[in-house]
Amino acid sequence: MKVPRDLSGAALAKALSKAGYQVTRQTGSHLRLTTQFPAQHHVTIPAHDPLKVGTLSGILGDVAAHLKITRDELMQRLFG
């Protein structure tokens, strides 16, 4: 599955809520999301529209590594 090209930071935050992440704070134009499953993990995403492909790819890779699944499995769960 290809990385979406037109995804905003707010839309990514909403999609990551399906994986157990919640927005814990916003500082300027950045959102910080936190999950407690399976352990505590934080990810910071810019609230830009659209996100750059490399930034989005890095965030998805970080979340997938934390959940111990592949990036394709994560994208299928979030966007599929």
Protein backbone atom coordinates (compact mmCIF):
# COMPACT_ATOMS: atom_id res chain seq x y z
CA MET A 1 0.00 0.00 0.00
CA LYS A 2 1.35 3.43 -0.93
CA VAL A 3 1.72 6.28 1.55
CA PRO A 4 -1.14 8.82 1.12
CA ARG A 5 0.00 12.04 -0.57
CA ASP A 6 -2.67 14.43 0.70
CA LEU A 7 -2.99 13.62 4.41
CA SER A 8 -3.05 16.44 6.98
CA GLY A 9 -1.61 16.23 10.48
CA ALA A 10 -5.09 16.39 12.01
CA ALA A 11 -6.30 13.55 9.77
CA LEU A 12 -3.28 11.44 10.76
CA ALA A 13 -3.99 12.09 14.45
CA LYS A 14 -7.59 10.94 13.92
CA ALA A 15 -6.42 7.82 12.06
CA LEU A 16 -3.89 6.97 14.78
CA SER A 17 -6.71 6.97 17.34
CA LYS A 18 -7.70 3.63 15.74
CA ALA A 19 -4.33 2.30 16.92
CA GLY A 20 -4.84 3.56 20.48
CA TYR A 21 -3.12 6.97 20.27
CA GLN A 22 -4.64 10.08 21.84
CA VAL A 23 -3.64 13.72 21.48
CA THR A 24 -2.08 14.69 24.81
CA ARG A 25 -0.99 18.22 23.95
CA GLN A 26 -0.43 20.73 21.20
CA THR A 27 2.47 23.15 21.12
CA GLY A 28 2.32 25.61 18.27
CA SER A 29 1.81 23.65 15.07
CA HIS A 30 2.78 20.25 16.49
CA LEU A 31 0.56 17.60 18.06
CA ARG A 32 1.86 15.08 20.57
CA LEU A 33 0.12 11.74 20.65
CA THR A 34 0.56 9.11 23.34
CA THR A 35 -0.46 5.49 23.73
CA GLN A 36 -0.20 3.15 26.69
CA PHE A 37 -0.47 -0.04 24.61
CA PRO A 38 1.59 -2.22 24.76
CA ALA A 39 3.83 0.26 26.57
CA GLN A 40 3.96 4.04 26.74
CA HIS A 41 4.97 5.63 23.45
CA HIS A 42 4.93 9.23 22.23
CA VAL A 43 4.91 10.50 18.67
CA THR A 44 4.97 14.13 17.56
CA ILE A 45 3.32 15.10 14.30
CA PRO A 46 3.20 18.50 12.63
CA ALA A 47 -0.30 19.92 12.12
CA HIS A 48 0.48 20.76 8.50
CA ASP A 49 -1.76 20.27 5.49
CA PRO A 50 -0.55 18.20 3.71
CA LEU A 51 2.22 16.37 5.53
CA LYS A 52 5.41 15.78 3.56
CA VAL A 53 5.72 12.20 2.36
CA GLY A 54 9.03 11.61 4.16
CA THR A 55 7.63 12.95 7.45
CA LEU A 56 4.53 10.78 7.17
CA SER A 57 6.60 7.73 6.27
CA GLY A 58 8.85 8.26 9.29
CA ILE A 59 5.90 8.61 11.67
CA LEU A 60 4.22 5.48 10.31
CA GLY A 61 7.48 3.54 10.57
CA ASP A 62 7.95 4.63 14.18
CA VAL A 63 4.40 3.66 15.16
CA ALA A 64 4.64 0.32 13.31
CA ALA A 65 7.90 -0.51 15.09
CA HIS A 66 6.32 0.26 18.46
CA LEU A 67 3.30 -1.96 17.69
CA LYS A 68 5.63 -4.68 16.31
CA ILE A 69 3.83 -4.87 12.97
CA THR A 70 4.91 -3.97 9.45
CA ARG A 71 4.27 -0.53 8.03
CA ASP A 72 1.93 -2.05 5.43
CA GLU A 73 -0.14 -3.73 8.16
CA LEU A 74 -0.39 -0.41 10.00
CA MET A 75 -1.45 1.47 6.87
CA GLN A 76 -4.07 -1.21 6.14
CA ARG A 77 -5.40 -0.84 9.70
CA LEU A 78 -5.51 2.96 9.53
CA PHE A 79 -6.51 3.66 5.92
CA GLY A 80 -7.76 0.36 4.53
